[in-house]
Amino acid sequence: MVSLYIANTDNEWFDFLSTRQDLTEVNFWQPGGKEFRAIEPGELFAFRLKSPRDKIGGFGVLSSSSVLPLQIAWETFRESNGVSSYEALRAAIAKYRPDESVGPATNIGCRILVEPIFFPSDVWIKLPESWSRNIVGGKRYSTDEVEGLRLWNQLQDIARGINAATAREFAEPAARYGHPTLITPRLGGLQQRRRISAPAREAASFTEAQVRLA
């Protein structure tokens, strides 16, 4: 069984990254700092754009997930966090955690997505009928079920159409209909930097005075 996940997506995050060229990895952050286990590495992570759009605007391939202090997340992923500066990232997190003092030691969830693709608005996808407005974070769909398989195929078809002039592929052509397969995530620069920063993260003790704004 192969699954995919539809995630409620901050529209500003989407708009910022959709203007960037040649992105290979992005950090889909989660403000609550929770572990993410809804799908496995190699499965698709789709961007459900919030109201008033209410459409699926693209996707990436889940490579890994972790929980990181805010400052480490910024220093590791920089603009691939979907913002232009540390302060912009802090403000974006604070918007969802209004009753807390958000600072460099605040933990956030980081879902590393490789080969992200952002669809133009004319090919955004309607949400599955089973999707509910009451869903807070997102919902997992199985490709063993009709809705999940239909969405998997739609994502593949649009991605292939957009990337027809390149060698970029998200699955073997033979697996396109009826037999979705896991995709082998590529280890890229963001993940390399995250590996390098891990020892420092384990030893670090943060205070507000240590924030380096960029």
Protein backbone atom coordinates (compact mmCIF):
# COMPACT_ATOMS: atom_id res chain seq x y z
CA MET A 1 0.00 0.00 0.00
CA VAL A 2 1.22 3.50 -0.87
CA SER A 3 -0.25 6.52 0.89
CA LEU A 4 -0.27 10.23 0.29
CA TYR A 5 -1.02 13.10 2.60
CA ILE A 6 -3.00 16.28 2.00
CA ALA A 7 -1.66 19.00 4.30
CA ASN A 8 -3.27 22.30 5.13
CA THR A 9 -0.77 24.75 3.69
CA ASP A 10 -0.03 28.35 4.59
CA ASN A 11 -0.81 30.38 1.46
CA GLU A 12 2.09 32.78 2.07
CA TRP A 13 4.52 29.83 2.33
CA PHE A 14 3.19 28.49 -0.98
CA ASP A 15 3.30 31.84 -2.76
CA PHE A 16 6.85 32.60 -1.60
CA LEU A 17 8.26 29.26 -2.72
CA SER A 18 6.28 29.07 -5.95
CA THR A 19 8.25 32.06 -7.26
CA ARG A 20 11.61 30.38 -6.62
CA GLN A 21 13.37 28.68 -9.50
CA ASP A 22 14.99 25.23 -9.44
CA LEU A 23 13.99 24.29 -5.90
CA THR A 24 15.06 20.77 -4.99
CA GLU A 25 14.03 20.75 -1.32
CA VAL A 26 11.77 22.71 1.00
CA ASN A 27 10.92 22.64 4.69
CA PHE A 28 7.20 22.31 5.30
CA TRP A 29 7.15 23.50 8.89
CA GLN A 30 4.49 22.73 11.44
CA PRO A 31 4.14 25.40 14.16
CA GLY A 32 3.18 23.02 16.97
CA GLY A 33 6.48 21.14 17.01
CA LYS A 34 4.94 17.68 16.73
CA GLU A 35 6.49 14.55 15.26
CA PHE A 36 5.07 13.58 11.87
CA ARG A 37 4.33 9.92 11.16
CA ALA A 38 1.26 10.07 8.91
CA ILE A 39 3.16 8.83 5.84
CA GLU A 40 6.54 7.26 5.11
CA PRO A 41 9.55 8.70 3.28
CA GLY A 42 9.00 8.32 -0.46
CA GLU A 43 5.27 9.04 -0.28
CA LEU A 44 3.60 12.17 -1.66
CA PHE A 45 2.83 15.22 0.47
CA ALA A 46 0.22 17.45 -1.20
CA PHE A 47 -0.38 21.15 -0.55
CA ARG A 48 -3.97 22.01 0.26
CA LEU A 49 -4.18 25.77 -0.08
CA LYS A 50 -6.29 27.41 2.58
CA SER A 51 -9.48 29.39 2.06
CA PRO A 52 -10.50 31.07 -0.14
CA ARG A 53 -8.51 28.89 -2.54
CA ASP A 54 -9.46 25.47 -1.14
CA LYS A 55 -7.58 23.55 -3.82
CA ILE A 56 -4.50 21.33 -4.03
CA GLY A 57 -1.74 23.46 -5.48
CA GLY A 58 1.19 21.05 -5.71
CA PHE A 59 3.17 18.47 -3.81
CA GLY A 60 6.58 17.17 -2.78
CA VAL A 61 8.08 13.82 -1.87
CA LEU A 62 8.56 13.30 1.85
CA SER A 63 12.23 12.70 2.57
CA SER A 64 12.36 12.96 6.36
CA SER A 65 10.81 14.71 9.33
CA SER A 66 12.09 16.00 12.64
CA VAL A 67 11.54 18.56 15.37
CA LEU A 68 14.03 21.44 15.53
CA PRO A 69 14.47 24.66 17.50
CA LEU A 70 13.36 27.64 15.47
CA GLN A 71 16.82 29.13 15.07
CA ILE A 72 18.32 25.83 13.90
CA ALA A 73 15.45 25.44 11.40
CA TRP A 74 16.24 28.88 9.99
CA GLU A 75 20.02 28.37 9.87
CA THR A 76 19.58 24.98 8.23
CA PHE A 77 16.89 25.68 5.64
CA ARG A 78 17.06 29.46 5.22
CA GLU A 79 14.63 30.65 2.50
CA SER A 80 13.51 27.09 1.84
CA ASN A 81 11.39 27.63 4.97
CA GLY A 82 9.15 29.75 2.74
CA VAL A 83 10.21 33.10 4.22
CA SER A 84 12.96 35.63 3.58
CA SER A 85 14.43 35.98 7.10
CA TYR A 86 14.61 34.55 10.61
CA GLU A 87 12.26 37.25 11.88
CA ALA A 88 9.73 36.43 9.16
CA LEU A 89 9.85 32.77 10.18
CA ARG A 90 9.44 33.66 13.85
CA ALA A 91 6.46 35.87 13.00
CA ALA A 92 4.88 33.13 10.87
CA ILE A 93 5.14 30.66 13.75
CA ALA A 94 3.91 33.21 16.29
CA LYS A 95 0.78 33.76 14.21
CA TYR A 96 -0.24 30.19 15.00
CA ARG A 97 0.94 30.29 18.64
CA PRO A 98 -0.47 33.63 19.86
CA ASP A 99 -0.42 32.71 23.54
CA GLU A 100 3.28 31.86 23.61
CA SER A 101 6.54 33.73 23.46
CA VAL A 102 8.09 32.36 20.27
CA GLY A 103 11.88 32.52 20.19
CA PRO A 104 15.00 30.70 19.00
CA ALA A 105 14.46 27.71 21.29
CA THR A 106 10.82 27.16 20.25
CA ASN A 107 10.49 23.74 18.67
CA ILE A 108 8.76 23.40 15.32
CA GLY A 109 8.00 20.39 13.17
CA CYS A 110 10.06 20.10 9.99
CA ARG A 111 8.93 17.92 7.09
CA ILE A 112 11.64 17.87 4.43
CA LEU A 113 10.16 17.56 0.95
CA VAL A 114 12.26 16.90 -2.12
CA GLU A 115 11.40 17.64 -5.76
CA PRO A 116 8.59 20.04 -4.79
CA ILE A 117 6.34 21.25 -7.56
CA PHE A 118 3.98 24.21 -7.40
CA PHE A 119 1.14 24.11 -9.91
CA PRO A 120 -0.09 27.20 -11.77
CA SER A 121 -3.56 28.17 -10.58
CA ASP A 122 -5.31 26.94 -13.73
CA VAL A 123 -4.46 23.32 -12.89
CA TRP A 124 -5.08 23.35 -9.14
CA ILE A 125 -6.96 20.19 -8.11
CA LYS A 126 -10.32 19.96 -6.36
CA LEU A 127 -10.21 18.40 -2.92
CA PRO A 128 -11.55 14.85 -2.51
CA GLU A 129 -15.21 14.63 -1.55
CA SER A 130 -14.28 13.10 1.81
CA TRP A 131 -12.20 16.14 2.75
CA SER A 132 -13.70 18.13 5.64
CA ARG A 133 -13.21 21.79 6.51
CA ASN A 134 -12.82 20.66 10.12
CA ILE A 135 -9.50 18.93 9.40
CA VAL A 136 -6.80 20.81 11.27
CA GLY A 137 -3.45 19.50 10.05
CA GLY A 138 -4.15 17.19 7.15
CA LYS A 139 -5.40 13.78 6.12
CA ARG A 140 -3.80 10.60 4.83
CA TYR A 141 -5.23 8.84 1.78
CA SER A 142 -4.42 5.33 0.64
CA THR A 143 -3.93 4.52 -3.04
CA ASP A 144 -5.75 1.27 -2.31
CA GLU A 145 -8.89 3.40 -2.22
CA VAL A 146 -10.58 5.18 -5.12
CA GLU A 147 -10.05 8.74 -3.89
CA GLY A 148 -6.42 8.19 -3.03
CA LEU A 149 -5.60 6.51 -6.33
CA ARG A 150 -7.40 9.20 -8.32
CA LEU A 151 -5.48 11.96 -6.55
CA TRP A 152 -2.14 10.15 -6.95
CA ASN A 153 -2.74 9.89 -10.69
CA GLN A 154 -3.85 13.52 -10.96
CA LEU A 155 -0.70 14.74 -9.22
CA GLN A 156 1.49 12.59 -11.45
CA ASP A 157 -0.24 13.72 -14.64
CA ILE A 158 0.03 17.43 -13.86
CA ALA A 159 3.65 17.11 -12.75
CA ARG A 160 4.58 15.29 -15.97
CA GLY A 161 2.82 17.92 -18.03
CA ILE A 162 4.67 20.76 -16.32
CA ASN A 163 8.01 18.99 -16.56
CA ALA A 164 7.57 17.49 -20.02
CA ALA A 165 10.71 19.24 -21.29
CA THR A 166 12.90 17.86 -18.50
CA ALA A 167 14.03 14.44 -17.33
CA ARG A 168 12.28 14.89 -14.00
CA GLU A 169 10.07 11.93 -13.09
CA PHE A 170 8.13 11.15 -9.94
CA ALA A 171 7.40 7.49 -10.70
CA GLU A 172 8.00 4.88 -13.35
CA PRO A 173 5.58 5.31 -16.28
CA ALA A 174 4.38 1.74 -15.88
CA ALA A 175 3.35 2.51 -12.31
CA ARG A 176 1.30 5.53 -13.30
CA TYR A 177 -2.08 3.85 -13.23
CA GLY A 178 -3.18 1.31 -10.65
CA HIS A 179 0.22 0.55 -9.14
CA PRO A 180 1.61 3.57 -7.26
CA THR A 181 5.11 3.07 -5.93
CA LEU A 182 7.31 4.66 -3.31
CA ILE A 183 9.71 7.26 -4.66
CA THR A 184 13.32 7.18 -3.54
CA PRO A 185 14.03 10.60 -1.98
CA ARG A 186 17.31 12.19 -2.98
CA LEU A 187 19.62 13.47 -0.26
CA GLY A 188 20.23 17.11 -1.04
CA GLY A 189 21.87 20.20 0.37
CA LEU A 190 19.32 20.96 3.07
CA GLN A 191 19.56 17.50 4.53
CA GLN A 192 23.33 17.55 4.35
CA ARG A 193 23.35 20.78 6.34
CA ARG A 194 20.86 19.32 8.81
CA ARG A 195 23.21 16.38 9.41
CA ILE A 196 26.09 18.75 10.00
CA SER A 197 24.06 20.86 12.41
CA ALA A 198 22.82 17.91 14.50
CA PRO A 199 25.77 17.79 16.96
CA ALA A 200 25.52 21.53 17.48
CA ARG A 201 21.78 21.24 18.06
CA GLU A 202 22.25 18.61 20.72
CA ALA A 203 24.78 20.73 22.59
CA ALA A 204 23.12 24.11 22.12
CA SER A 205 21.45 26.16 24.82
CA PHE A 206 19.55 29.11 23.37
CA THR A 207 18.57 32.46 24.81
CA GLU A 208 16.90 35.39 23.13
CA ALA A 209 20.22 37.24 23.06
CA GLN A 210 21.69 34.52 20.84
CA VAL A 211 19.32 35.10 17.95
CA ARG A 212 21.11 36.09 14.78
CA LEU A 213 18.68 37.89 12.53
CA ALA A 214 19.19 37.61 8.81
